[in-house]
PDB file of N, CA and C in Angstrom:
ATOM      1  N   MET A   1      23.627   4.432 -59.905  1.00  0.00           N
ATOM      2  CA  MET A   1      22.772   5.534 -60.328  1.00  0.00           C
ATOM      3  C   MET A   1      21.692   5.732 -59.288  1.00  0.00           C
ATOM      4  N   LYS A   2      21.615   6.926 -58.754  1.00  0.00           N
ATOM      5  CA  LYS A   2      20.603   7.223 -57.759  1.00  0.00           C
ATOM      6  C   LYS A   2      19.688   8.300 -58.326  1.00  0.00           C
ATOM      7  N   VAL A   3      18.405   8.023 -58.283  1.00  0.00           N
ATOM      8  CA  VAL A   3      17.409   8.967 -58.760  1.00  0.00           C
ATOM      9  C   VAL A   3      16.629   9.436 -57.539  1.00  0.00           C
ATOM     10  N   PRO A   4      16.528  10.746 -57.337  1.00  0.00           N
ATOM     11  CA  PRO A   4      15.799  11.244 -56.168  1.00  0.00           C
ATOM     12  C   PRO A   4      14.347  10.753 -56.182  1.00  0.00           C
ATOM     13  N   PRO A   5      13.853  10.324 -55.024  1.00  0.00           N
ATOM     14  CA  PRO A   5      12.474   9.837 -54.959  1.00  0.00           C
ATOM     15  C   PRO A   5      11.447  10.867 -55.409  1.00  0.00           C
ATOM     16  N   LYS A   6      11.713  12.148 -55.184  1.00  0.00           N
ATOM     17  CA  LYS A   6      10.763  13.185 -55.618  1.00  0.00           C
ATOM     18  C   LYS A   6      10.614  13.202 -57.134  1.00  0.00           C
ATOM     19  N   VAL A   7      11.702  12.967 -57.838  1.00  0.00           N
ATOM     20  CA  VAL A   7      11.647  12.934 -59.302  1.00  0.00           C
ATOM     21  C   VAL A   7      10.778  11.774 -59.764  1.00  0.00           C
ATOM     22  N   LEU A   8      10.989  10.610 -59.179  1.00  0.00           N
ATOM     23  CA  LEU A   8      10.181   9.454 -59.542  1.00  0.00           C
ATOM     24  C   LEU A   8       8.719   9.674 -59.186  1.00  0.00           C
ATOM     25  N   PHE A   9       8.472  10.309 -58.042  1.00  0.00           N
ATOM     26  CA  PHE A   9       7.097  10.587 -57.633  1.00  0.00           C
ATOM     27  C   PHE A   9       6.384  11.460 -58.654  1.00  0.00           C
ATOM     28  N   TRP A  10       6.997  12.574 -59.039  1.00  0.00           N
ATOM     29  CA  TRP A  10       6.332  13.504 -59.957  1.00  0.00           C
ATOM     30  C   TRP A  10       6.172  12.907 -61.352  1.00  0.00           C
ATOM     31  N   LEU A  11       7.162  12.179 -61.821  1.00  0.00           N
ATOM     32  CA  LEU A  11       7.019  11.526 -63.122  1.00  0.00           C
ATOM     33  C   LEU A  11       5.904  10.488 -63.097  1.00  0.00           C
ATOM     34  N   SER A  12       5.822   9.741 -62.009  1.00  0.00           N
ATOM     35  CA  SER A  12       4.751   8.748 -61.882  1.00  0.00           C
ATOM     36  C   SER A  12       3.393   9.424 -61.755  1.00  0.00           C
ATOM     37  N   PHE A  13       3.347  10.546 -61.060  1.00  0.00           N
ATOM     38  CA  PHE A  13       2.095  11.297 -60.918  1.00  0.00           C
ATOM     39  C   PHE A  13       1.591  11.760 -62.281  1.00  0.00           C
ATOM     40  N   PHE A  14       2.471  12.332 -63.080  1.00  0.00           N
ATOM     41  CA  PHE A  14       2.069  12.798 -64.411  1.00  0.00           C
ATOM     42  C   PHE A  14       1.715  11.626 -65.334  1.00  0.00           C
ATOM     43  N   ALA A  15       2.391  10.490 -65.156  1.00  0.00           N
ATOM     44  CA  ALA A  15       2.038   9.305 -65.945  1.00  0.00           C
ATOM     45  C   ALA A  15       0.648   8.812 -65.562  1.00  0.00           C
ATOM     46  N   THR A  16       0.301   8.912 -64.283  1.00  0.00           N
ATOM     47  CA  THR A  16      -1.037   8.525 -63.839  1.00  0.00           C
ATOM     48  C   THR A  16      -2.088   9.445 -64.433  1.00  0.00           C
ATOM     49  N   LEU A  17      -1.810  10.745 -64.471  1.00  0.00           N
ATOM     50  CA  LEU A  17      -2.737  11.677 -65.121  1.00  0.00           C
ATOM     51  C   LEU A  17      -2.898  11.348 -66.601  1.00  0.00           C
ATOM     52  N   ALA A  18      -1.791  11.077 -67.258  1.00  0.00           N
ATOM     53  CA  ALA A  18      -1.849  10.730 -68.683  1.00  0.00           C
ATOM     54  C   ALA A  18      -2.626   9.440 -68.888  1.00  0.00           C
ATOM     55  N   GLN A  19      -2.475   8.504 -67.974  1.00  0.00           N
ATOM     56  CA  GLN A  19      -3.211   7.250 -68.073  1.00  0.00           C
ATOM     57  C   GLN A  19      -4.705   7.499 -67.894  1.00  0.00           C
ATOM     58  N   GLY A  20      -5.056   8.419 -67.000  1.00  0.00           N
ATOM     59  CA  GLY A  20      -6.462   8.782 -66.810  1.00  0.00           C
ATOM     60  C   GLY A  20      -7.059   9.404 -68.054  1.00  0.00           C
ATOM     61  N   ILE A  21      -6.282  10.218 -68.745  1.00  0.00           N
ATOM     62  CA  ILE A  21      -6.743  10.822 -69.996  1.00  0.00           C
ATOM     63  C   ILE A  21      -6.904   9.739 -71.059  1.00  0.00           C
ATOM     64  N   THR A  22      -5.945   8.847 -71.146  1.00  0.00           N
ATOM     65  CA  THR A  22      -5.987   7.780 -72.146  1.00  0.00           C
ATOM     66  C   THR A  22      -7.174   6.845 -71.923  1.00  0.00           C
ATOM     67  N   ALA A  23      -7.440   6.507 -70.672  1.00  0.00           N
ATOM     68  CA  ALA A  23      -8.512   5.571 -70.352  1.00  0.00           C
ATOM     69  C   ALA A  23      -9.892   6.218 -70.419  1.00  0.00           C
ATOM     70  N   GLY A  24      -9.933   7.539 -70.497  1.00  0.00           N
ATOM     71  CA  GLY A  24     -11.220   8.221 -70.552  1.00  0.00           C
ATOM     72  C   GLY A  24     -11.757   8.600 -69.190  1.00  0.00           C
ATOM     73  N   THR A  25     -10.991   8.360 -68.135  1.00  0.00           N
ATOM     74  CA  THR A  25     -11.417   8.744 -66.793  1.00  0.00           C
ATOM     75  C   THR A  25     -11.464  10.262 -66.664  1.00  0.00           C
ATOM     76  N   ILE A  26     -10.494  10.930 -67.248  1.00  0.00           N
ATOM     77  CA  ILE A  26     -10.474  12.394 -67.295  1.00  0.00           C
ATOM     78  C   ILE A  26     -11.043  12.791 -68.650  1.00  0.00           C
ATOM     79  N   HIS A  27     -12.202  13.411 -68.628  1.00  0.00           N
ATOM     80  CA  HIS A  27     -12.864  13.790 -69.872  1.00  0.00           C
ATOM     81  C   HIS A  27     -12.310  15.116 -70.376  1.00  0.00           C
ATOM     82  N   LEU A  28     -11.930  15.140 -71.621  1.00  0.00           N
ATOM     83  CA  LEU A  28     -11.333  16.333 -72.215  1.00  0.00           C
ATOM     84  C   LEU A  28     -12.361  17.226 -72.889  1.00  0.00           C
ATOM     85  N   THR A  29     -13.604  16.776 -72.958  1.00  0.00           N
ATOM     86  CA  THR A  29     -14.655  17.561 -73.596  1.00  0.00           C
ATOM     87  C   THR A  29     -14.804  18.890 -72.859  1.00  0.00           C
ATOM     88  N   GLY A  30     -14.733  19.959 -73.593  1.00  0.00           N
ATOM     89  CA  GLY A  30     -14.822  21.290 -73.004  1.00  0.00           C
ATOM     90  C   GLY A  30     -13.479  21.863 -72.599  1.00  0.00           C
ATOM     91  N   LEU A  31     -12.455  21.017 -72.501  1.00  0.00           N
ATOM     92  CA  LEU A  31     -11.119  21.496 -72.147  1.00  0.00           C
ATOM     93  C   LEU A  31     -10.295  21.842 -73.376  1.00  0.00           C
ATOM     94  N   ILE A  32     -10.446  21.022 -74.392  1.00  0.00           N
ATOM     95  CA  ILE A  32      -9.725  21.251 -75.645  1.00  0.00           C
ATOM     96  C   ILE A  32     -10.710  21.057 -76.794  1.00  0.00           C
ATOM     97  N   PRO A  33     -10.381  21.535 -77.975  1.00  0.00           N
ATOM     98  CA  PRO A  33     -11.295  21.354 -79.114  1.00  0.00           C
ATOM     99  C   PRO A  33     -11.576  19.869 -79.377  1.00  0.00           C
ATOM    100  N   MET A  34     -12.797  19.572 -79.776  1.00  0.00           N
ATOM    101  CA  MET A  34     -13.227  18.186 -80.004  1.00  0.00           C
ATOM    102  C   MET A  34     -12.326  17.443 -80.990  1.00  0.00           C
ATOM    103  N   GLU A  35     -11.880  18.136 -82.054  1.00  0.00           N
ATOM    104  CA  GLU A  35     -11.057  17.452 -83.056  1.00  0.00           C
ATOM    105  C   GLU A  35      -9.661  17.112 -82.537  1.00  0.00           C
ATOM    106  N   ALA A  36      -9.228  17.736 -81.435  1.00  0.00           N
ATOM    107  CA  ALA A  36      -7.895  17.462 -80.876  1.00  0.00           C
ATOM    108  C   ALA A  36      -7.912  16.307 -79.875  1.00  0.00           C
ATOM    109  N   ILE A  37      -9.081  15.922 -79.389  1.00  0.00           N
ATOM    110  CA  ILE A  37      -9.158  14.892 -78.345  1.00  0.00           C
ATOM    111  C   ILE A  37      -8.534  13.567 -78.783  1.00  0.00           C
ATOM    112  N   PRO A  38      -8.828  13.021 -79.970  1.00  0.00           N
ATOM    113  CA  PRO A  38      -8.178  11.754 -80.352  1.00  0.00           C
ATOM    114  C   PRO A  38      -6.648  11.848 -80.418  1.00  0.00           C
ATOM    115  N   THR A  39      -6.146  12.985 -80.882  1.00  0.00           N
ATOM    116  CA  THR A  39      -4.693  13.162 -80.974  1.00  0.00           C
ATOM    117  C   THR A  39      -4.071  13.222 -79.589  1.00  0.00           C
ATOM    118  N   VAL A  40      -4.652  14.010 -78.707  1.00  0.00           N
ATOM    119  CA  VAL A  40      -4.127  14.139 -77.347  1.00  0.00           C
ATOM    120  C   VAL A  40      -4.188  12.789 -76.631  1.00  0.00           C
ATOM    121  N   THR A  41      -5.298  12.088 -76.779  1.00  0.00           N
ATOM    122  CA  THR A  41      -5.446  10.774 -76.145  1.00  0.00           C
ATOM    123  C   THR A  41      -4.392   9.798 -76.657  1.00  0.00           C
ATOM    124  N   ALA A  42      -4.139   9.814 -77.949  1.00  0.00           N
ATOM    125  CA  ALA A  42      -3.127   8.915 -78.519  1.00  0.00           C
ATOM    126  C   ALA A  42      -1.735   9.248 -77.988  1.00  0.00           C
ATOM    127  N   TYR A  43      -1.391  10.538 -77.927  1.00  0.00           N
ATOM    128  CA  TYR A  43      -0.075  10.934 -77.415  1.00  0.00           C
ATOM    129  C   TYR A  43       0.072  10.579 -75.937  1.00  0.00           C
ATOM    130  N   MET A  44      -0.985  10.772 -75.161  1.00  0.00           N
ATOM    131  CA  MET A  44      -0.930  10.431 -73.737  1.00  0.00           C
ATOM    132  C   MET A  44      -0.719   8.924 -73.562  1.00  0.00           C
ATOM    133  N   GLY A  45      -1.381   8.125 -74.391  1.00  0.00           N
ATOM    134  CA  GLY A  45      -1.191   6.672 -74.331  1.00  0.00           C
ATOM    135  C   GLY A  45       0.241   6.285 -74.637  1.00  0.00           C
ATOM    136  N   PHE A  46       0.822   6.938 -75.629  1.00  0.00           N
ATOM    137  CA  PHE A  46       2.221   6.673 -75.975  1.00  0.00           C
ATOM    138  C   PHE A  46       3.141   7.078 -74.824  1.00  0.00           C
ATOM    139  N   CYS A  47       2.889   8.246 -74.219  1.00  0.00           N
ATOM    140  CA  CYS A  47       3.710   8.716 -73.097  1.00  0.00           C
ATOM    141  C   CYS A  47       3.637   7.753 -71.921  1.00  0.00           C
ATOM    142  N   VAL A  48       2.444   7.244 -71.624  1.00  0.00           N
ATOM    143  CA  VAL A  48       2.289   6.293 -70.528  1.00  0.00           C
ATOM    144  C   VAL A  48       3.075   5.021 -70.826  1.00  0.00           C
ATOM    145  N   PHE A  49       2.983   4.527 -72.055  1.00  0.00           N
ATOM    146  CA  PHE A  49       3.720   3.320 -72.427  1.00  0.00           C
ATOM    147  C   PHE A  49       5.227   3.524 -72.260  1.00  0.00           C
ATOM    148  N   VAL A  50       5.739   4.646 -72.758  1.00  0.00           N
ATOM    149  CA  VAL A  50       7.180   4.922 -72.657  1.00  0.00           C
ATOM    150  C   VAL A  50       7.595   5.037 -71.198  1.00  0.00           C
ATOM    151  N   TRP A  51       6.815   5.780 -70.393  1.00  0.00           N
ATOM    152  CA  TRP A  51       7.192   5.966 -68.992  1.00  0.00           C
ATOM    153  C   TRP A  51       7.158   4.645 -68.226  1.00  0.00           C
ATOM    154  N   MET A  52       6.135   3.831 -68.429  1.00  0.00           N
ATOM    155  CA  MET A  52       6.059   2.567 -67.707  1.00  0.00           C
ATOM    156  C   MET A  52       7.212   1.636 -68.103  1.00  0.00           C
ATOM    157  N   SER A  53       7.602   1.658 -69.355  1.00  0.00           N
ATOM    158  CA  SER A  53       8.755   0.864 -69.791  1.00  0.00           C
ATOM    159  C   SER A  53      10.031   1.375 -69.145  1.00  0.00           C
ATOM    160  N   PHE A  54      10.191   2.695 -69.137  1.00  0.00           N
ATOM    161  CA  PHE A  54      11.367   3.311 -68.531  1.00  0.00           C
ATOM    162  C   PHE A  54      11.393   3.057 -67.029  1.00  0.00           C
ATOM    163  N   GLN A  55      10.249   3.179 -66.370  1.00  0.00           N
ATOM    164  CA  GLN A  55      10.186   2.988 -64.928  1.00  0.00           C
ATOM    165  C   GLN A  55      10.515   1.548 -64.539  1.00  0.00           C
ATOM    166  N   THR A  56      10.089   0.607 -65.332  1.00  0.00           N
ATOM    167  CA  THR A  56      10.411  -0.794 -65.063  1.00  0.00           C
ATOM    168  C   THR A  56      11.923  -1.004 -65.118  1.00  0.00           C
ATOM    169  N   ALA A  57      12.558  -0.477 -66.144  1.00  0.00           N
ATOM    170  CA  ALA A  57      14.013  -0.606 -66.264  1.00  0.00           C
ATOM    171  C   ALA A  57      14.722   0.161 -65.148  1.00  0.00           C
ATOM    172  N   LEU A  58      14.220   1.341 -64.826  1.00  0.00           N
ATOM    173  CA  LEU A  58      14.839   2.172 -63.795  1.00  0.00           C
ATOM    174  C   LEU A  58      14.764   1.500 -62.428  1.00  0.00           C
ATOM    175  N   ASN A  59      13.645   0.873 -62.127  1.00  0.00           N
ATOM    176  CA  ASN A  59      13.516   0.178 -60.849  1.00  0.00           C
ATOM    177  C   ASN A  59      14.529  -0.947 -60.732  1.00  0.00           C
ATOM    178  N   GLY A  60      14.809  -1.621 -61.814  1.00  0.00           N
ATOM    179  CA  GLY A  60      15.814  -2.679 -61.780  1.00  0.00           C
ATOM    180  C   GLY A  60      17.221  -2.136 -61.678  1.00  0.00           C
ATOM    181  N   TYR A  61      17.435  -0.968 -62.218  1.00  0.00           N
ATOM    182  CA  TYR A  61      18.778  -0.390 -62.252  1.00  0.00           C
ATOM    183  C   TYR A  61      19.105   0.410 -60.996  1.00  0.00           C
ATOM    184  N   ALA A  62      18.140   1.158 -60.490  1.00  0.00           N
ATOM    185  CA  ALA A  62      18.407   2.099 -59.401  1.00  0.00           C
ATOM    186  C   ALA A  62      17.921   1.605 -58.054  1.00  0.00           C
ATOM    187  N   GLY A  63      17.584   0.346 -57.934  1.00  0.00           N
ATOM    188  CA  GLY A  63      17.109  -0.176 -56.666  1.00  0.00           C
ATOM    189  C   GLY A  63      18.194  -0.134 -55.591  1.00  0.00           C
ATOM    190  N   PRO A  64      17.766  -0.212 -54.326  1.00  0.00           N
ATOM    191  CA  PRO A  64      18.735  -0.102 -53.236  1.00  0.00           C
ATOM    192  C   PRO A  64      19.614  -1.344 -53.073  1.00  0.00           C
ATOM    193  N   GLY A  65      19.162  -2.481 -53.566  1.00  0.00           N
ATOM    194  CA  GLY A  65      19.938  -3.709 -53.399  1.00  0.00           C
ATOM    195  C   GLY A  65      20.562  -4.157 -54.709  1.00  0.00           C
ATOM    196  N   THR A  66      21.240  -5.261 -54.642  1.00  0.00           N
ATOM    197  CA  THR A  66      21.852  -5.788 -55.852  1.00  0.00           C
ATOM    198  C   THR A  66      20.812  -6.548 -56.652  1.00  0.00           C
ATOM    199  N   GLY A  67      21.016  -6.609 -57.918  1.00  0.00           N
ATOM    200  CA  GLY A  67      20.108  -7.304 -58.813  1.00  0.00           C
ATOM    201  C   GLY A  67      20.783  -7.477 -60.158  1.00  0.00           C
ATOM    202  N   PRO A  68      20.013  -7.816 -61.160  1.00  0.00           N
ATOM    203  CA  PRO A  68      20.627  -8.042 -62.461  1.00  0.00           C
ATOM    204  C   PRO A  68      21.233  -6.776 -63.070  1.00  0.00           C
ATOM    205  N   LEU A  69      20.749  -5.610 -62.664  1.00  0.00           N
ATOM    206  CA  LEU A  69      21.277  -4.369 -63.233  1.00  0.00           C
ATOM    207  C   LEU A  69      22.007  -3.497 -62.218  1.00  0.00           C
ATOM    208  N   ALA A  70      21.898  -3.816 -60.943  1.00  0.00           N
ATOM    209  CA  ALA A  70      22.526  -2.999 -59.903  1.00  0.00           C
ATOM    210  C   ALA A  70      23.758  -3.716 -59.369  1.00  0.00           C
ATOM    211  N   LYS A  71      24.876  -3.027 -59.393  1.00  0.00           N
ATOM    212  CA  LYS A  71      26.111  -3.628 -58.890  1.00  0.00           C
ATOM    213  C   LYS A  71      26.102  -3.632 -57.357  1.00  0.00           C
ATOM    214  N   PRO A  72      26.833  -4.542 -56.737  1.00  0.00           N
ATOM    215  CA  PRO A  72      26.899  -4.576 -55.277  1.00  0.00           C
ATOM    216  C   PRO A  72      27.552  -3.308 -54.729  1.00  0.00           C
ATOM    217  N   THR A  73      27.154  -2.922 -53.528  1.00  0.00           N
ATOM    218  CA  THR A  73      27.759  -1.738 -52.916  1.00  0.00           C
ATOM    219  C   THR A  73      29.198  -2.044 -52.519  1.00  0.00           C
ATOM    220  N   THR A  74      30.012  -1.003 -52.528  1.00  0.00           N
ATOM    221  CA  THR A  74      31.394  -1.141 -52.081  1.00  0.00           C
ATOM    222  C   THR A  74      31.424  -1.002 -50.556  1.00  0.00           C
ATOM    223  N   VAL A  75      32.557  -1.305 -49.959  1.00  0.00           N
ATOM    224  CA  VAL A  75      32.710  -1.177 -48.510  1.00  0.00           C
ATOM    225  C   VAL A  75      32.519   0.281 -48.100  1.00  0.00           C
ATOM    226  N   ALA A  76      33.053   1.204 -48.865  1.00  0.00           N
ATOM    227  CA  ALA A  76      32.923   2.623 -48.549  1.00  0.00           C
ATOM    228  C   ALA A  76      31.453   3.060 -48.600  1.00  0.00           C
ATOM    229  N   GLU A  77      30.726   2.591 -49.599  1.00  0.00           N
ATOM    230  CA  GLU A  77      29.305   2.928 -49.696  1.00  0.00           C
ATOM    231  C   GLU A  77      28.516   2.331 -48.537  1.00  0.00           C
ATOM    232  N   ALA A  78      28.852   1.101 -48.155  1.00  0.00           N
ATOM    233  CA  ALA A  78      28.167   0.455 -47.036  1.00  0.00           C
ATOM    234  C   ALA A  78      28.427   1.203 -45.735  1.00  0.00           C
ATOM    235  N   ASN A  79      29.658   1.643 -45.533  1.00  0.00           N
ATOM    236  CA  ASN A  79      29.980   2.427 -44.333  1.00  0.00           C
ATOM    237  C   ASN A  79      29.223   3.744 -44.323  1.00  0.00           C
ATOM    238  N   GLN A  80      29.101   4.375 -45.470  1.00  0.00           N
ATOM    239  CA  GLN A  80      28.368   5.631 -45.562  1.00  0.00           C
ATOM    240  C   GLN A  80      26.884   5.415 -45.230  1.00  0.00           C
ATOM    241  N   ILE A  81      26.312   4.334 -45.711  1.00  0.00           N
ATOM    242  CA  ILE A  81      24.919   4.021 -45.419  1.00  0.00           C
ATOM    243  C   ILE A  81      24.738   3.782 -43.924  1.00  0.00           C
ATOM    244  N   LEU A  82      25.665   3.063 -43.306  1.00  0.00           N
ATOM    245  CA  LEU A  82      25.583   2.809 -41.869  1.00  0.00           C
ATOM    246  C   LEU A  82      25.687   4.102 -41.068  1.00  0.00           C
ATOM    247  N   GLU A  83      26.579   4.990 -41.470  1.00  0.00           N
ATOM    248  CA  GLU A  83      26.723   6.269 -40.785  1.00  0.00           C
ATOM    249  C   GLU A  83      25.454   7.112 -40.903  1.00  0.00           C
ATOM    250  N   GLN A  84      24.847   7.100 -42.090  1.00  0.00           N
ATOM    251  CA  GLN A  84      23.603   7.838 -42.285  1.00  0.00           C
ATOM    252  C   GLN A  84      22.493   7.251 -41.419  1.00  0.00           C
ATOM    253  N   ALA A  85      22.451   5.934 -41.316  1.00  0.00           N
ATOM    254  CA  ALA A  85      21.427   5.280 -40.488  1.00  0.00           C
ATOM    255  C   ALA A  85      21.615   5.618 -39.018  1.00  0.00           C
ATOM    256  N   LYS A  86      22.871   5.674 -38.571  1.00  0.00           N
ATOM    257  CA  LYS A  86      23.128   6.030 -37.176  1.00  0.00           C
ATOM    258  C   LYS A  86      22.722   7.464 -36.902  1.00  0.00           C
ATOM    259  N   GLY A  87      22.983   8.362 -37.862  1.00  0.00           N
ATOM    260  CA  GLY A  87      22.608   9.769 -37.705  1.00  0.00           C
ATOM    261  C   GLY A  87      21.107   9.973 -37.719  1.00  0.00           C
ATOM    262  N   ALA A  88      20.399   9.145 -38.465  1.00  0.00           N
ATOM    263  CA  ALA A  88      18.948   9.281 -38.556  1.00  0.00           C
ATOM    264  C   ALA A  88      18.267   8.778 -37.302  1.00  0.00           C
ATOM    265  N   GLY A  89      18.922   7.896 -36.568  1.00  0.00           N
ATOM    266  CA  GLY A  89      18.339   7.333 -35.361  1.00  0.00           C
ATOM    267  C   GLY A  89      18.418   8.248 -34.160  1.00  0.00           C
ATOM    268  N   LYS A  90      19.135   9.355 -34.271  1.00  0.00           N
ATOM    269  CA  LYS A  90      19.301  10.274 -33.134  1.00  0.00           C
ATOM    270  C   LYS A  90      18.131  11.201 -32.992  1.00  0.00           C
TER     271      LYS A  90
END
């Protein structure tokens, strides 16, 4: 399973924003109604928890090397990686 780095970047970026809202670093006063702030903060905290759990599992599964969740590359995949590396060096 290969996940594009841009996807991981943007998901992590939004998780960081949500974490800032949850921690109180980003103040919501004046942005949303006062009575909605506890609800939004709680949902952002839940989203951060889910994303960090998912990201931990994803890193183990989609890493470039072998590990407990990543199967070893095949000979064909290894040859393709070598060809890409040779092309990038030009």
